[in-house]
Amino acid sequence: QRDAKNAALIPSVRTLADSKIWGDLYRGLAFLELFRGSSLLGFLLHELKDN
């Protein structure tokens, strides 16, 4: 019975992890949107390319 409980836990843990990843991605994209078209975004892209 304990195994069944563990098996039920795993998908929910994965879903939580996935939603956190998507949440972070979404926040990152929203943050980039704020700077799109500004010189800061060009500066960031330039810095990333050099590194």
PDB file of N, CA and C in Angstrom:
ATOM      1  N   GLN A   1       0.835  -1.205   0.000  1.00  0.00           N
ATOM      2  CA  GLN A   1       0.000   0.000   0.000  1.00  0.00           C
ATOM      3  C   GLN A   1       0.877   1.265   0.000  1.00  0.00           C
ATOM      4  N   ARG A   2       2.026   1.154   0.667  1.00  0.00           N
ATOM      5  CA  ARG A   2       2.921   2.310   0.695  1.00  0.00           C
ATOM      6  C   ARG A   2       3.445   2.626  -0.705  1.00  0.00           C
ATOM      7  N   ASP A   3       3.693   1.581  -1.495  1.00  0.00           N
ATOM      8  CA  ASP A   3       4.174   1.792  -2.864  1.00  0.00           C
ATOM      9  C   ASP A   3       3.145   2.550  -3.690  1.00  0.00           C
ATOM     10  N   ALA A   4       1.884   2.198  -3.502  1.00  0.00           N
ATOM     11  CA  ALA A   4       0.824   2.875  -4.247  1.00  0.00           C
ATOM     12  C   ALA A   4       0.782   4.352  -3.873  1.00  0.00           C
ATOM     13  N   LYS A   5       1.001   4.626  -2.606  1.00  0.00           N
ATOM     14  CA  LYS A   5       1.002   6.013  -2.149  1.00  0.00           C
ATOM     15  C   LYS A   5       2.148   6.781  -2.801  1.00  0.00           C
ATOM     16  N   ASN A   6       3.323   6.170  -2.840  1.00  0.00           N
ATOM     17  CA  ASN A   6       4.480   6.809  -3.462  1.00  0.00           C
ATOM     18  C   ASN A   6       4.238   7.055  -4.943  1.00  0.00           C
ATOM     19  N   ALA A   7       3.636   6.077  -5.607  1.00  0.00           N
ATOM     20  CA  ALA A   7       3.364   6.214  -7.035  1.00  0.00           C
ATOM     21  C   ALA A   7       2.399   7.363  -7.288  1.00  0.00           C
ATOM     22  N   ALA A   8       1.486   7.576  -6.351  1.00  0.00           N
ATOM     23  CA  ALA A   8       0.529   8.673  -6.504  1.00  0.00           C
ATOM     24  C   ALA A   8       1.198  10.021  -6.249  1.00  0.00           C
ATOM     25  N   LEU A   9       2.223  10.013  -5.413  1.00  0.00           N
ATOM     26  CA  LEU A   9       2.916  11.260  -5.081  1.00  0.00           C
ATOM     27  C   LEU A   9       3.772  11.770  -6.227  1.00  0.00           C
ATOM     28  N   ILE A  10       4.405  10.852  -6.939  1.00  0.00           N
ATOM     29  CA  ILE A  10       5.384  11.237  -7.956  1.00  0.00           C
ATOM     30  C   ILE A  10       4.813  12.172  -9.031  1.00  0.00           C
ATOM     31  N   PRO A  11       3.651  11.858  -9.623  1.00  0.00           N
ATOM     32  CA  PRO A  11       3.138  12.773 -10.655  1.00  0.00           C
ATOM     33  C   PRO A  11       2.880  14.179 -10.121  1.00  0.00           C
ATOM     34  N   SER A  12       2.382  14.292  -8.894  1.00  0.00           N
ATOM     35  CA  SER A  12       2.092  15.618  -8.364  1.00  0.00           C
ATOM     36  C   SER A  12       3.379  16.401  -8.129  1.00  0.00           C
ATOM     37  N   VAL A  13       4.427  15.711  -7.696  1.00  0.00           N
ATOM     38  CA  VAL A  13       5.718  16.372  -7.512  1.00  0.00           C
ATOM     39  C   VAL A  13       6.246  16.853  -8.856  1.00  0.00           C
ATOM     40  N   ARG A  14       6.116  16.010  -9.857  1.00  0.00           N
ATOM     41  CA  ARG A  14       6.580  16.402 -11.199  1.00  0.00           C
ATOM     42  C   ARG A  14       5.786  17.584 -11.720  1.00  0.00           C
ATOM     43  N   THR A  15       4.478  17.567 -11.478  1.00  0.00           N
ATOM     44  CA  THR A  15       3.645  18.673 -11.944  1.00  0.00           C
ATOM     45  C   THR A  15       4.055  19.971 -11.262  1.00  0.00           C
ATOM     46  N   LEU A  16       4.341  19.883  -9.979  1.00  0.00           N
ATOM     47  CA  LEU A  16       4.786  21.070  -9.247  1.00  0.00           C
ATOM     48  C   LEU A  16       6.089  21.597  -9.826  1.00  0.00           C
ATOM     49  N   ALA A  17       7.021  20.701 -10.090  1.00  0.00           N
ATOM     50  CA  ALA A  17       8.308  21.108 -10.642  1.00  0.00           C
ATOM     51  C   ALA A  17       8.113  21.740 -12.016  1.00  0.00           C
ATOM     52  N   ASP A  18       7.275  21.101 -12.842  1.00  0.00           N
ATOM     53  CA  ASP A  18       7.029  21.632 -14.182  1.00  0.00           C
ATOM     54  C   ASP A  18       6.400  23.015 -14.106  1.00  0.00           C
ATOM     55  N   SER A  19       5.422  23.187 -13.226  1.00  0.00           N
ATOM     56  CA  SER A  19       4.739  24.472 -13.159  1.00  0.00           C
ATOM     57  C   SER A  19       5.686  25.555 -12.648  1.00  0.00           C
ATOM     58  N   LYS A  20       6.624  25.182 -11.777  1.00  0.00           N
ATOM     59  CA  LYS A  20       7.597  26.170 -11.309  1.00  0.00           C
ATOM     60  C   LYS A  20       8.510  26.583 -12.460  1.00  0.00           C
ATOM     61  N   ILE A  21       8.944  25.588 -13.249  1.00  0.00           N
ATOM     62  CA  ILE A  21       9.797  25.886 -14.400  1.00  0.00           C
ATOM     63  C   ILE A  21       9.069  26.817 -15.364  1.00  0.00           C
ATOM     64  N   TRP A  22       7.794  26.482 -15.665  1.00  0.00           N
ATOM     65  CA  TRP A  22       7.019  27.313 -16.588  1.00  0.00           C
ATOM     66  C   TRP A  22       6.786  28.695 -15.996  1.00  0.00           C
ATOM     67  N   GLY A  23       6.585  28.747 -14.664  1.00  0.00           N
ATOM     68  CA  GLY A  23       6.391  30.040 -14.017  1.00  0.00           C
ATOM     69  C   GLY A  23       7.637  30.904 -14.147  1.00  0.00           C
ATOM     70  N   ASP A  24       8.794  30.291 -13.948  1.00  0.00           N
ATOM     71  CA  ASP A  24      10.054  31.025 -14.079  1.00  0.00           C
ATOM     72  C   ASP A  24      10.251  31.498 -15.513  1.00  0.00           C
ATOM     73  N   LEU A  25       9.953  30.606 -16.470  1.00  0.00           N
ATOM     74  CA  LEU A  25      10.082  30.966 -17.879  1.00  0.00           C
ATOM     75  C   LEU A  25       9.166  32.129 -18.214  1.00  0.00           C
ATOM     76  N   TYR A  26       7.924  32.040 -17.732  1.00  0.00           N
ATOM     77  CA  TYR A  26       6.945  33.073 -18.035  1.00  0.00           C
ATOM     78  C   TYR A  26       7.389  34.417 -17.467  1.00  0.00           C
ATOM     79  N   ARG A  27       7.893  34.381 -16.216  1.00  0.00           N
ATOM     80  CA  ARG A  27       8.370  35.626 -15.614  1.00  0.00           C
ATOM     81  C   ARG A  27       9.558  36.178 -16.385  1.00  0.00           C
ATOM     82  N   GLY A  28      10.441  35.294 -16.827  1.00  0.00           N
ATOM     83  CA  GLY A  28      11.591  35.735 -17.599  1.00  0.00           C
ATOM     84  C   GLY A  28      11.170  36.385 -18.903  1.00  0.00           C
ATOM     85  N   LEU A  29      10.190  35.770 -19.574  1.00  0.00           N
ATOM     86  CA  LEU A  29       9.703  36.323 -20.833  1.00  0.00           C
ATOM     87  C   LEU A  29       8.991  37.648 -20.601  1.00  0.00           C
ATOM     88  N   ALA A  30       8.195  37.728 -19.535  1.00  0.00           N
ATOM     89  CA  ALA A  30       7.485  38.969 -19.231  1.00  0.00           C
ATOM     90  C   ALA A  30       8.489  40.081 -18.948  1.00  0.00           C
ATOM     91  N   PHE A  31       9.577  39.718 -18.251  1.00  0.00           N
ATOM     92  CA  PHE A  31      10.628  40.681 -17.941  1.00  0.00           C
ATOM     93  C   PHE A  31      11.277  41.181 -19.230  1.00  0.00           C
ATOM     94  N   LEU A  32      11.555  40.261 -20.153  1.00  0.00           N
ATOM     95  CA  LEU A  32      12.162  40.652 -21.425  1.00  0.00           C
ATOM     96  C   LEU A  32      11.229  41.555 -22.215  1.00  0.00           C
ATOM     97  N   GLU A  33       9.919  41.274 -22.147  1.00  0.00           N
ATOM     98  CA  GLU A  33       8.946  42.091 -22.871  1.00  0.00           C
ATOM     99  C   GLU A  33       9.055  43.555 -22.450  1.00  0.00           C
ATOM    100  N   LEU A  34       9.326  43.771 -21.167  1.00  0.00           N
ATOM    101  CA  LEU A  34       9.421  45.140 -20.654  1.00  0.00           C
ATOM    102  C   LEU A  34      10.518  45.912 -21.370  1.00  0.00           C
ATOM    103  N   PHE A  35      11.571  45.199 -21.746  1.00  0.00           N
ATOM    104  CA  PHE A  35      12.738  45.872 -22.317  1.00  0.00           C
ATOM    105  C   PHE A  35      12.831  45.715 -23.831  1.00  0.00           C
ATOM    106  N   ARG A  36      11.852  45.017 -24.430  1.00  0.00           N
ATOM    107  CA  ARG A  36      11.944  44.798 -25.872  1.00  0.00           C
ATOM    108  C   ARG A  36      11.910  46.137 -26.603  1.00  0.00           C
ATOM    109  N   GLY A  37      12.789  46.278 -27.554  1.00  0.00           N
ATOM    110  CA  GLY A  37      12.842  47.513 -28.313  1.00  0.00           C
ATOM    111  C   GLY A  37      13.682  48.584 -27.635  1.00  0.00           C
ATOM    112  N   SER A  38      14.143  48.313 -26.423  1.00  0.00           N
ATOM    113  CA  SER A  38      14.974  49.301 -25.737  1.00  0.00           C
ATOM    114  C   SER A  38      16.445  48.976 -25.964  1.00  0.00           C
ATOM    115  N   SER A  39      17.292  49.921 -25.675  1.00  0.00           N
ATOM    116  CA  SER A  39      18.722  49.687 -25.885  1.00  0.00           C
ATOM    117  C   SER A  39      19.250  48.652 -24.903  1.00  0.00           C
ATOM    118  N   LEU A  40      18.546  48.494 -23.758  1.00  0.00           N
ATOM    119  CA  LEU A  40      19.023  47.548 -22.758  1.00  0.00           C
ATOM    120  C   LEU A  40      18.996  46.129 -23.299  1.00  0.00           C
ATOM    121  N   LEU A  41      17.938  45.781 -24.035  1.00  0.00           N
ATOM    122  CA  LEU A  41      17.852  44.428 -24.578  1.00  0.00           C
ATOM    123  C   LEU A  41      18.991  44.185 -25.561  1.00  0.00           C
ATOM    124  N   GLY A  42      19.265  45.156 -26.418  1.00  0.00           N
ATOM    125  CA  GLY A  42      20.372  45.016 -27.350  1.00  0.00           C
ATOM    126  C   GLY A  42      21.692  44.850 -26.613  1.00  0.00           C
ATOM    127  N   PHE A  43      21.846  45.599 -25.536  1.00  0.00           N
ATOM    128  CA  PHE A  43      23.060  45.498 -24.727  1.00  0.00           C
ATOM    129  C   PHE A  43      23.181  44.106 -24.122  1.00  0.00           C
ATOM    130  N   LEU A  44      22.066  43.578 -23.578  1.00  0.00           N
ATOM    131  CA  LEU A  44      22.086  42.245 -22.970  1.00  0.00           C
ATOM    132  C   LEU A  44      22.432  41.185 -24.005  1.00  0.00           C
ATOM    133  N   LEU A  45      21.814  41.264 -25.171  1.00  0.00           N
ATOM    134  CA  LEU A  45      22.086  40.277 -26.215  1.00  0.00           C
ATOM    135  C   LEU A  45      23.547  40.348 -26.638  1.00  0.00           C
ATOM    136  N   HIS A  46      24.071  41.551 -26.738  1.00  0.00           N
ATOM    137  CA  HIS A  46      25.468  41.741 -27.108  1.00  0.00           C
ATOM    138  C   HIS A  46      26.379  41.106 -26.062  1.00  0.00           C
ATOM    139  N   GLU A  47      26.063  41.337 -24.787  1.00  0.00           N
ATOM    140  CA  GLU A  47      26.859  40.765 -23.700  1.00  0.00           C
ATOM    141  C   GLU A  47      26.811  39.244 -23.735  1.00  0.00           C
ATOM    142  N   LEU A  48      25.631  38.689 -23.971  1.00  0.00           N
ATOM    143  CA  LEU A  48      25.479  37.236 -23.991  1.00  0.00           C
ATOM    144  C   LEU A  48      26.277  36.628 -25.135  1.00  0.00           C
ATOM    145  N   LYS A  49      26.273  37.299 -26.273  1.00  0.00           N
ATOM    146  CA  LYS A  49      27.001  36.771 -27.435  1.00  0.00           C
ATOM    147  C   LYS A  49      28.509  36.754 -27.173  1.00  0.00           C
ATOM    148  N   ASP A  50      29.003  37.786 -26.494  1.00  0.00           N
ATOM    149  CA  ASP A  50      30.439  37.849 -26.208  1.00  0.00           C
ATOM    150  C   ASP A  50      30.864  36.755 -25.235  1.00  0.00           C
ATOM    151  N   ASN A  51      29.987  36.425 -24.290  1.00  0.00           N
ATOM    152  CA  ASN A  51      30.309  35.379 -23.318  1.00  0.00           C
ATOM    153  C   ASN A  51      29.926  34.049 -23.860  1.00  0.00           C
TER     154      ASN A  51
END
